[in-house]
Structure formats: structure tokens, C-alpha cells
């Protein structure tokens, strides 16, 4: 939804909003498709980083507790701990 433009055309309103968000002008001239593609690319890289960090932590816990049998049943990077229980968010 565009904000009220106060008599200005919708293109002017979008340009003003873009200037506020992208003050350095990094994304000026990119098409909508290119911007959407960049969003998906960043989202994918964030998911990959989070997954990698999860697996790194699991490996560290195993290394720090070598010789101890750890219960890994139900361990999942998408779950969280609530009230001492591992549950789906």
C-alpha cells in the first residue's frame, strides 16, 4: 500500500520511500525482479549460516562430552527449548 502522496504521483512517493530505505543508493536502478532475487539470495544464505552454526554447536557439545552418552533423540535445528522441553515453535 502506498502512503498518501499529498498531490504527488505514485512514482514520486515510491522514489521518496526508496530514498529513505536506500540512502546510499546501492539498489538504485535495480528492477523489482532483481531486488526479489536478492532477497531470496540473502534469505537462503541466512538459513545456511544458521544451519551450519547449529551443526557446529552439536559437534562442540559432542566433543566436550566425549565419553558421555548424550540423548540426541528429537534434536532438530527447528525446535526450541520451552519450560525444559524440546518442542516445535
PDB file of N, CA and C in Angstrom:
ATOM      1  N   UNK A   1       0.837  -1.184   0.000  1.00  0.00           N
ATOM      2  CA  UNK A   1       0.000   0.000   0.000  1.00  0.00           C
ATOM      3  C   UNK A   1       0.879   1.245   0.000  1.00  0.00           C
ATOM      4  N   UNK A   2       0.578   2.176  -0.875  1.00  0.00           N
ATOM      5  CA  UNK A   2       1.337   3.418  -0.886  1.00  0.00           C
ATOM      6  C   UNK A   2       0.755   4.389   0.123  1.00  0.00           C
ATOM      7  N   UNK A   3       1.620   5.204   0.677  1.00  0.00           N
ATOM      8  CA  UNK A   3       1.154   6.242   1.591  1.00  0.00           C
ATOM      9  C   UNK A   3       0.457   7.324   0.776  1.00  0.00           C
ATOM     10  N   UNK A   4      -0.345   8.147   1.453  1.00  0.00           N
ATOM     11  CA  UNK A   4      -0.972   9.263   0.749  1.00  0.00           C
ATOM     12  C   UNK A   4       0.127  10.153   0.198  1.00  0.00           C
ATOM     13  N   UNK A   5      -0.054  10.615  -1.031  1.00  0.00           N
ATOM     14  CA  UNK A   5       1.026  11.324  -1.705  1.00  0.00           C
ATOM     15  C   UNK A   5       0.935  12.839  -1.623  1.00  0.00           C
ATOM     16  N   UNK A   6      -0.128  13.367  -1.085  1.00  0.00           N
ATOM     17  CA  UNK A   6      -0.244  14.816  -0.972  1.00  0.00           C
ATOM     18  C   UNK A   6      -0.195  15.509  -2.321  1.00  0.00           C
ATOM     19  N   UNK A   7      -0.829  14.919  -3.334  1.00  0.00           N
ATOM     20  CA  UNK A   7      -0.863  15.532  -4.652  1.00  0.00           C
ATOM     21  C   UNK A   7       0.234  15.055  -5.578  1.00  0.00           C
ATOM     22  N   UNK A   8       1.202  14.330  -5.068  1.00  0.00           N
ATOM     23  CA  UNK A   8       2.282  13.834  -5.915  1.00  0.00           C
ATOM     24  C   UNK A   8       1.851  12.526  -6.557  1.00  0.00           C
ATOM     25  N   UNK A   9       2.476  12.183  -7.670  1.00  0.00           N
ATOM     26  CA  UNK A   9       2.187  10.918  -8.331  1.00  0.00           C
ATOM     27  C   UNK A   9       2.747   9.756  -7.528  1.00  0.00           C
ATOM     28  N   UNK A  10       2.229   8.572  -7.792  1.00  0.00           N
ATOM     29  CA  UNK A  10       2.681   7.400  -7.034  1.00  0.00           C
ATOM     30  C   UNK A  10       4.154   7.100  -7.282  1.00  0.00           C
ATOM     31  N   UNK A  11       4.667   7.438  -8.475  1.00  0.00           N
ATOM     32  CA  UNK A  11       6.086   7.199  -8.749  1.00  0.00           C
ATOM     33  C   UNK A  11       6.960   8.055  -7.833  1.00  0.00           C
ATOM     34  N   UNK A  12       6.547   9.316  -7.589  1.00  0.00           N
ATOM     35  CA  UNK A  12       7.298  10.187  -6.691  1.00  0.00           C
ATOM     36  C   UNK A  12       7.287   9.635  -5.270  1.00  0.00           C
ATOM     37  N   UNK A  13       6.135   9.119  -4.823  1.00  0.00           N
ATOM     38  CA  UNK A  13       6.017   8.579  -3.470  1.00  0.00           C
ATOM     39  C   UNK A  13       6.930   7.374  -3.294  1.00  0.00           C
ATOM     40  N   UNK A  14       6.969   6.507  -4.280  1.00  0.00           N
ATOM     41  CA  UNK A  14       7.834   5.332  -4.204  1.00  0.00           C
ATOM     42  C   UNK A  14       9.291   5.773  -4.165  1.00  0.00           C
ATOM     43  N   UNK A  15       9.655   6.739  -4.983  1.00  0.00           N
ATOM     44  CA  UNK A  15      11.026   7.222  -5.022  1.00  0.00           C
ATOM     45  C   UNK A  15      11.438   7.800  -3.669  1.00  0.00           C
ATOM     46  N   UNK A  16      10.551   8.559  -3.032  1.00  0.00           N
ATOM     47  CA  UNK A  16      10.854   9.118  -1.713  1.00  0.00           C
ATOM     48  C   UNK A  16      11.040   8.000  -0.686  1.00  0.00           C
ATOM     49  N   UNK A  17      10.166   6.999  -0.723  1.00  0.00           N
ATOM     50  CA  UNK A  17      10.288   5.869   0.205  1.00  0.00           C
ATOM     51  C   UNK A  17      11.587   5.109  -0.043  1.00  0.00           C
ATOM     52  N   UNK A  18      11.937   4.932  -1.318  1.00  0.00           N
ATOM     53  CA  UNK A  18      13.179   4.231  -1.647  1.00  0.00           C
ATOM     54  C   UNK A  18      14.385   4.995  -1.125  1.00  0.00           C
ATOM     55  N   UNK A  19      14.358   6.324  -1.238  1.00  0.00           N
ATOM     56  CA  UNK A  19      15.476   7.135  -0.745  1.00  0.00           C
ATOM     57  C   UNK A  19      15.661   6.976   0.757  1.00  0.00           C
ATOM     58  N   UNK A  20      14.574   6.865   1.484  1.00  0.00           N
ATOM     59  CA  UNK A  20      14.656   6.694   2.938  1.00  0.00           C
ATOM     60  C   UNK A  20      15.288   5.345   3.268  1.00  0.00           C
ATOM     61  N   UNK A  21      14.872   4.304   2.558  1.00  0.00           N
ATOM     62  CA  UNK A  21      15.352   2.948   2.838  1.00  0.00           C
ATOM     63  C   UNK A  21      16.768   2.735   2.314  1.00  0.00           C
ATOM     64  N   UNK A  22      17.065   3.254   1.142  1.00  0.00           N
ATOM     65  CA  UNK A  22      18.358   3.029   0.485  1.00  0.00           C
ATOM     66  C   UNK A  22      19.082   4.360   0.327  1.00  0.00           C
ATOM     67  N   UNK A  23      19.497   4.941   1.448  1.00  0.00           N
ATOM     68  CA  UNK A  23      20.102   6.274   1.447  1.00  0.00           C
ATOM     69  C   UNK A  23      21.379   6.341   0.621  1.00  0.00           C
ATOM     70  N   UNK A  24      22.146   5.258   0.586  1.00  0.00           N
ATOM     71  CA  UNK A  24      23.399   5.253  -0.162  1.00  0.00           C
ATOM     72  C   UNK A  24      23.171   5.030  -1.658  1.00  0.00           C
ATOM     73  N   UNK A  25      21.959   4.672  -2.036  1.00  0.00           N
ATOM     74  CA  UNK A  25      21.656   4.458  -3.446  1.00  0.00           C
ATOM     75  C   UNK A  25      22.223   3.169  -4.013  1.00  0.00           C
ATOM     76  N   UNK A  26      22.489   2.205  -3.148  1.00  0.00           N
ATOM     77  CA  UNK A  26      23.085   0.934  -3.568  1.00  0.00           C
ATOM     78  C   UNK A  26      22.196   0.192  -4.559  1.00  0.00           C
ATOM     79  N   UNK A  27      20.886   0.253  -4.354  1.00  0.00           N
ATOM     80  CA  UNK A  27      19.967  -0.533  -5.179  1.00  0.00           C
ATOM     81  C   UNK A  27      19.239   0.291  -6.238  1.00  0.00           C
ATOM     82  N   UNK A  28      19.659   1.529  -6.440  1.00  0.00           N
ATOM     83  CA  UNK A  28      19.041   2.380  -7.458  1.00  0.00           C
ATOM     84  C   UNK A  28      19.246   1.723  -8.822  1.00  0.00           C
ATOM     85  N   UNK A  29      18.201   1.677  -9.586  1.00  0.00           N
ATOM     86  CA  UNK A  29      18.319   1.133 -10.939  1.00  0.00           C
ATOM     87  C   UNK A  29      18.078  -0.361 -11.043  1.00  0.00           C
ATOM     88  N   UNK A  30      17.969  -1.049  -9.922  1.00  0.00           N
ATOM     89  CA  UNK A  30      17.678  -2.477  -9.984  1.00  0.00           C
ATOM     90  C   UNK A  30      16.187  -2.676 -10.222  1.00  0.00           C
ATOM     91  N   UNK A  31      15.870  -3.677 -10.997  1.00  0.00           N
ATOM     92  CA  UNK A  31      14.461  -3.974 -11.252  1.00  0.00           C
ATOM     93  C   UNK A  31      13.859  -4.656 -10.033  1.00  0.00           C
ATOM     94  N   UNK A  32      12.545  -4.698 -10.004  1.00  0.00           N
ATOM     95  CA  UNK A  32      11.844  -5.386  -8.914  1.00  0.00           C
ATOM     96  C   UNK A  32      12.270  -6.851  -8.864  1.00  0.00           C
ATOM     97  N   UNK A  33      12.379  -7.480 -10.030  1.00  0.00           N
ATOM     98  CA  UNK A  33      12.783  -8.887 -10.093  1.00  0.00           C
ATOM     99  C   UNK A  33      14.182  -9.082  -9.507  1.00  0.00           C
ATOM    100  N   UNK A  34      15.086  -8.156  -9.786  1.00  0.00           N
ATOM    101  CA  UNK A  34      16.444  -8.257  -9.246  1.00  0.00           C
ATOM    102  C   UNK A  34      16.430  -8.103  -7.727  1.00  0.00           C
ATOM    103  N   UNK A  35      15.602  -7.187  -7.219  1.00  0.00           N
ATOM    104  CA  UNK A  35      15.506  -6.990  -5.773  1.00  0.00           C
ATOM    105  C   UNK A  35      14.912  -8.215  -5.088  1.00  0.00           C
ATOM    106  N   UNK A  36      13.868  -8.797  -5.678  1.00  0.00           N
ATOM    107  CA  UNK A  36      13.266 -10.008  -5.117  1.00  0.00           C
ATOM    108  C   UNK A  36      14.290 -11.136  -5.123  1.00  0.00           C
ATOM    109  N   UNK A  37      15.045 -11.253  -6.206  1.00  0.00           N
ATOM    110  CA  UNK A  37      16.092 -12.271  -6.297  1.00  0.00           C
ATOM    111  C   UNK A  37      17.131 -12.078  -5.192  1.00  0.00           C
ATOM    112  N   UNK A  38      17.514 -10.840  -4.940  1.00  0.00           N
ATOM    113  CA  UNK A  38      18.489 -10.530  -3.883  1.00  0.00           C
ATOM    114  C   UNK A  38      17.932 -10.905  -2.511  1.00  0.00           C
ATOM    115  N   UNK A  39      16.646 -10.654  -2.279  1.00  0.00           N
ATOM    116  CA  UNK A  39      16.012 -11.017  -1.008  1.00  0.00           C
ATOM    117  C   UNK A  39      16.080 -12.524  -0.804  1.00  0.00           C
ATOM    118  N   UNK A  40      15.732 -13.298  -1.841  1.00  0.00           N
ATOM    119  CA  UNK A  40      15.787 -14.760  -1.732  1.00  0.00           C
ATOM    120  C   UNK A  40      17.218 -15.240  -1.500  1.00  0.00           C
ATOM    121  N   UNK A  41      18.170 -14.622  -2.181  1.00  0.00           N
ATOM    122  CA  UNK A  41      19.580 -14.990  -2.021  1.00  0.00           C
ATOM    123  C   UNK A  41      20.035 -14.754  -0.575  1.00  0.00           C
ATOM    124  N   UNK A  42      19.696 -13.602  -0.025  1.00  0.00           N
ATOM    125  CA  UNK A  42      20.071 -13.288   1.355  1.00  0.00           C
ATOM    126  C   UNK A  42      19.373 -14.216   2.341  1.00  0.00           C
ATOM    127  N   UNK A  43      18.114 -14.505   2.089  1.00  0.00           N
ATOM    128  CA  UNK A  43      17.361 -15.416   2.952  1.00  0.00           C
ATOM    129  C   UNK A  43      17.997 -16.800   2.960  1.00  0.00           C
ATOM    130  N   UNK A  44      18.343 -17.301   1.773  1.00  0.00           N
ATOM    131  CA  UNK A  44      18.982 -18.613   1.671  1.00  0.00           C
ATOM    132  C   UNK A  44      20.316 -18.644   2.406  1.00  0.00           C
ATOM    133  N   UNK A  45      21.114 -17.583   2.258  1.00  0.00           N
ATOM    134  CA  UNK A  45      22.422 -17.568   2.915  1.00  0.00           C
ATOM    135  C   UNK A  45      22.273 -17.484   4.433  1.00  0.00           C
ATOM    136  N   UNK A  46      21.236 -16.793   4.912  1.00  0.00           N
ATOM    137  CA  UNK A  46      20.993 -16.728   6.358  1.00  0.00           C
ATOM    138  C   UNK A  46      20.589 -18.098   6.894  1.00  0.00           C
ATOM    139  N   UNK A  47      19.746 -18.822   6.152  1.00  0.00           N
ATOM    140  CA  UNK A  47      19.336 -20.161   6.569  1.00  0.00           C
ATOM    141  C   UNK A  47      20.526 -21.115   6.587  1.00  0.00           C
ATOM    142  N   UNK A  48      21.378 -21.021   5.570  1.00  0.00           N
ATOM    143  CA  UNK A  48      22.572 -21.866   5.515  1.00  0.00           C
ATOM    144  C   UNK A  48      23.494 -21.571   6.696  1.00  0.00           C
ATOM    145  N   UNK A  49      23.675 -20.299   7.025  1.00  0.00           N
ATOM    146  CA  UNK A  49      24.539 -19.922   8.146  1.00  0.00           C
ATOM    147  C   UNK A  49      23.973 -20.433   9.462  1.00  0.00           C
ATOM    148  N   UNK A  50      22.675 -20.284   9.665  1.00  0.00           N
ATOM    149  CA  UNK A  50      22.046 -20.755  10.902  1.00  0.00           C
ATOM    150  C   UNK A  50      22.166 -22.267  11.030  1.00  0.00           C
ATOM    151  N   UNK A  51      21.952 -22.980   9.942  1.00  0.00           N
ATOM    152  CA  UNK A  51      22.060 -24.441   9.957  1.00  0.00           C
ATOM    153  C   UNK A  51      23.494 -24.864  10.257  1.00  0.00           C
ATOM    154  N   UNK A  52      24.445 -24.198   9.641  1.00  0.00           N
ATOM    155  CA  UNK A  52      25.856 -24.504   9.874  1.00  0.00           C
ATOM    156  C   UNK A  52      26.229 -24.264  11.334  1.00  0.00           C
ATOM    157  N   UNK A  53      25.748 -23.165  11.916  1.00  0.00           N
ATOM    158  CA  UNK A  53      26.026 -22.862  13.320  1.00  0.00           C
ATOM    159  C   UNK A  53      25.411 -23.911  14.235  1.00  0.00           C
ATOM    160  N   UNK A  54      24.206 -24.359  13.912  1.00  0.00           N
ATOM    161  CA  UNK A  54      23.552 -25.401  14.705  1.00  0.00           C
ATOM    162  C   UNK A  54      24.401 -26.670  14.709  1.00  0.00           C
ATOM    163  N   UNK A  55      24.823 -27.107  13.525  1.00  0.00           N
ATOM    164  CA  UNK A  55      25.611 -28.337  13.432  1.00  0.00           C
ATOM    165  C   UNK A  55      26.974 -28.172  14.109  1.00  0.00           C
ATOM    166  N   UNK A  56      27.537 -26.970  14.068  1.00  0.00           N
ATOM    167  CA  UNK A  56      28.794 -26.695  14.752  1.00  0.00           C
ATOM    168  C   UNK A  56      28.627 -26.820  16.264  1.00  0.00           C
ATOM    169  N   UNK A  57      27.542 -26.286  16.795  1.00  0.00           N
ATOM    170  CA  UNK A  57      27.280 -26.370  18.236  1.00  0.00           C
ATOM    171  C   UNK A  57      27.084 -27.822  18.659  1.00  0.00           C
ATOM    172  N   UNK A  58      26.345 -28.589  17.862  1.00  0.00           N
ATOM    173  CA  UNK A  58      26.143 -30.009  18.172  1.00  0.00           C
ATOM    174  C   UNK A  58      27.492 -30.727  18.212  1.00  0.00           C
ATOM    175  N   UNK A  59      28.358 -30.453  17.246  1.00  0.00           N
ATOM    176  CA  UNK A  59      29.685 -31.078  17.213  1.00  0.00           C
ATOM    177  C   UNK A  59      30.508 -30.675  18.435  1.00  0.00           C
ATOM    178  N   UNK A  60      30.420 -29.415  18.847  1.00  0.00           N
ATOM    179  CA  UNK A  60      31.158 -28.960  20.028  1.00  0.00           C
ATOM    180  C   UNK A  60      30.650 -29.652  21.291  1.00  0.00           C
ATOM    181  N   UNK A  61      29.334 -29.774  21.426  1.00  0.00           N
ATOM    182  CA  UNK A  61      28.759 -30.438  22.603  1.00  0.00           C
ATOM    183  C   UNK A  61      29.222 -31.885  22.659  1.00  0.00           C
ATOM    184  N   UNK A  62      29.231 -32.556  21.505  1.00  0.00           N
ATOM    185  CA  UNK A  62      29.705 -33.948  21.462  1.00  0.00           C
ATOM    186  C   UNK A  62      31.181 -34.027  21.845  1.00  0.00           C
ATOM    187  N   UNK A  63      31.999 -33.104  21.332  1.00  0.00           N
ATOM    188  CA  UNK A  63      33.435 -33.118  21.631  1.00  0.00           C
ATOM    189  C   UNK A  63      33.692 -32.828  23.107  1.00  0.00           C
ATOM    190  N   UNK A  64      32.959 -31.885  23.675  1.00  0.00           N
ATOM    191  CA  UNK A  64      33.145 -31.529  25.082  1.00  0.00           C
ATOM    192  C   UNK A  64      32.633 -32.605  26.027  1.00  0.00           C
ATOM    193  N   UNK A  65      31.768 -33.464  25.530  1.00  0.00           N
ATOM    194  CA  UNK A  65      31.196 -34.523  26.354  1.00  0.00           C
ATOM    195  C   UNK A  65      31.580 -35.903  25.841  1.00  0.00           C
ATOM    196  N   UNK A  66      32.775 -35.996  25.251  1.00  0.00           N
ATOM    197  CA  UNK A  66      33.256 -37.289  24.751  1.00  0.00           C
ATOM    198  C   UNK A  66      33.278 -38.271  25.916  1.00  0.00           C
ATOM    199  N   UNK A  67      32.838 -39.459  25.666  1.00  0.00           N
ATOM    200  CA  UNK A  67      32.781 -40.459  26.727  1.00  0.00           C
ATOM    201  C   UNK A  67      31.463 -40.452  27.467  1.00  0.00           C
ATOM    202  N   UNK A  68      30.635 -39.461  27.207  1.00  0.00           N
ATOM    203  CA  UNK A  68      29.312 -39.388  27.820  1.00  0.00           C
ATOM    204  C   UNK A  68      28.283 -39.698  26.743  1.00  0.00           C
ATOM    205  N   UNK A  69      27.351 -40.568  27.074  1.00  0.00           N
ATOM    206  CA  UNK A  69      26.296 -40.891  26.105  1.00  0.00           C
ATOM    207  C   UNK A  69      25.238 -39.791  26.176  1.00  0.00           C
ATOM    208  N   UNK A  70      25.131 -39.028  25.104  1.00  0.00           N
ATOM    209  CA  UNK A  70      24.158 -37.941  25.043  1.00  0.00           C
ATOM    210  C   UNK A  70      22.898 -38.414  24.326  1.00  0.00           C
ATOM    211  N   UNK A  71      21.752 -38.013  24.827  1.00  0.00           N
ATOM    212  CA  UNK A  71      20.489 -38.312  24.167  1.00  0.00           C
ATOM    213  C   UNK A  71      20.287 -37.291  23.054  1.00  0.00           C
ATOM    214  N   UNK A  72      20.416 -37.727  21.812  1.00  0.00           N
ATOM    215  CA  UNK A  72      20.262 -36.834  20.661  1.00  0.00           C
ATOM    216  C   UNK A  72      18.897 -37.025  19.997  1.00  0.00           C
ATOM    217  N   UNK A  73      18.068 -37.895  20.564  1.00  0.00           N
ATOM    218  CA  UNK A  73      16.746 -38.161  20.006  1.00  0.00           C
ATOM    219  C   UNK A  73      15.885 -36.902  20.102  1.00  0.00           C
ATOM    220  N   UNK A  74      15.294 -36.525  18.990  1.00  0.00           N
ATOM    221  CA  UNK A  74      14.429 -35.348  18.964  1.00  0.00           C
ATOM    222  C   UNK A  74      15.177 -34.047  18.709  1.00  0.00           C
ATOM    223  N   UNK A  75      16.512 -34.119  18.608  1.00  0.00           N
ATOM    224  CA  UNK A  75      17.306 -32.924  18.341  1.00  0.00           C
ATOM    225  C   UNK A  75      17.011 -32.437  16.929  1.00  0.00           C
ATOM    226  N   UNK A  76      16.684 -31.171  16.790  1.00  0.00           N
ATOM    227  CA  UNK A  76      16.299 -30.628  15.491  1.00  0.00           C
ATOM    228  C   UNK A  76      16.567 -29.134  15.508  1.00  0.00           C
ATOM    229  N   UNK A  77      17.180 -28.630  14.445  1.00  0.00           N
ATOM    230  CA  UNK A  77      17.524 -27.206  14.392  1.00  0.00           C
ATOM    231  C   UNK A  77      16.306 -26.295  14.365  1.00  0.00           C
ATOM    232  N   UNK A  78      15.134 -26.833  14.060  1.00  0.00           N
ATOM    233  CA  UNK A  78      13.932 -26.005  14.020  1.00  0.00           C
ATOM    234  C   UNK A  78      13.185 -25.994  15.350  1.00  0.00           C
ATOM    235  N   UNK A  79      13.602 -26.831  16.287  1.00  0.00           N
ATOM    236  CA  UNK A  79      12.922 -26.892  17.585  1.00  0.00           C
ATOM    237  C   UNK A  79      13.554 -25.901  18.552  1.00  0.00           C
ATOM    238  N   UNK A  80      12.881 -25.678  19.673  1.00  0.00           N
ATOM    239  CA  UNK A  80      13.393 -24.782  20.707  1.00  0.00           C
ATOM    240  C   UNK A  80      13.078 -25.377  22.073  1.00  0.00           C
ATOM    241  N   UNK A  81      13.745 -24.856  23.085  1.00  0.00           N
ATOM    242  CA  UNK A  81      13.518 -25.324  24.450  1.00  0.00           C
ATOM    243  C   UNK A  81      12.529 -24.386  25.122  1.00  0.00           C
ATOM    244  N   UNK A  82      11.453 -24.976  25.645  1.00  0.00           N
ATOM    245  CA  UNK A  82      10.444 -24.218  26.383  1.00  0.00           C
ATOM    246  C   UNK A  82      10.106 -24.997  27.638  1.00  0.00           C
ATOM    247  N   UNK A  83      10.235 -24.357  28.781  1.00  0.00           N
ATOM    248  CA  UNK A  83       9.935 -24.991  30.067  1.00  0.00           C
ATOM    249  C   UNK A  83      10.683 -26.312  30.232  1.00  0.00           C
ATOM    250  N   UNK A  84      11.949 -26.323  29.792  1.00  0.00           N
ATOM    251  CA  UNK A  84      12.786 -27.508  29.949  1.00  0.00           C
ATOM    252  C   UNK A  84      12.499 -28.627  28.968  1.00  0.00           C
ATOM    253  N   UNK A  85      11.648 -28.384  27.981  1.00  0.00           N
ATOM    254  CA  UNK A  85      11.286 -29.398  26.985  1.00  0.00           C
ATOM    255  C   UNK A  85      11.681 -28.913  25.587  1.00  0.00           C
ATOM    256  N   UNK A  86      12.113 -29.851  24.737  1.00  0.00           N
ATOM    257  CA  UNK A  86      12.409 -29.535  23.345  1.00  0.00           C
ATOM    258  C   UNK A  86      11.108 -29.672  22.560  1.00  0.00           C
ATOM    259  N   UNK A  87      10.656 -28.560  21.980  1.00  0.00           N
ATOM    260  CA  UNK A  87       9.359 -28.536  21.293  1.00  0.00           C
ATOM    261  C   UNK A  87       9.470 -27.776  19.971  1.00  0.00           C
ATOM    262  N   UNK A  88       8.482 -27.990  19.120  1.00  0.00           N
ATOM    263  CA  UNK A  88       8.377 -27.194  17.898  1.00  0.00           C
ATOM    264  C   UNK A  88       7.875 -25.802  18.267  1.00  0.00           C
ATOM    265  N   UNK A  89       8.395 -24.775  17.607  1.00  0.00           N
ATOM    266  CA  UNK A  89       7.939 -23.408  17.909  1.00  0.00           C
ATOM    267  C   UNK A  89       6.488 -23.185  17.535  1.00  0.00           C
TER     268      UNK A  89
END
